[in-house]
Amino acid sequence: MATPKKKKTARGRKQDRARVAKGQDYEVRYEAKKTGRSASAVKKVVKKVGNSRKRVEKRLGR
């Protein structure tokens, strides 16, 4: 028997946009440029509040 095809969803992309990946420099640089803060400040905030983009931006005072 053939197995049914899985539906492809955008869930992964939505989750990616909602996160500031700690180990990915381009994400940190993007957030730093967007908020006008330094990359090290963004890294400290991510370490403190987690990698939720919403919480990071709130903490950085966007």
Foldseek 3Di string as FASTA:
>chain_A
DDDDDDDDDCVVVVVVVQWQDLPDVVSLVVLCVVLVHDSVLLNVLCVVPNGGPVSSCVVSPD
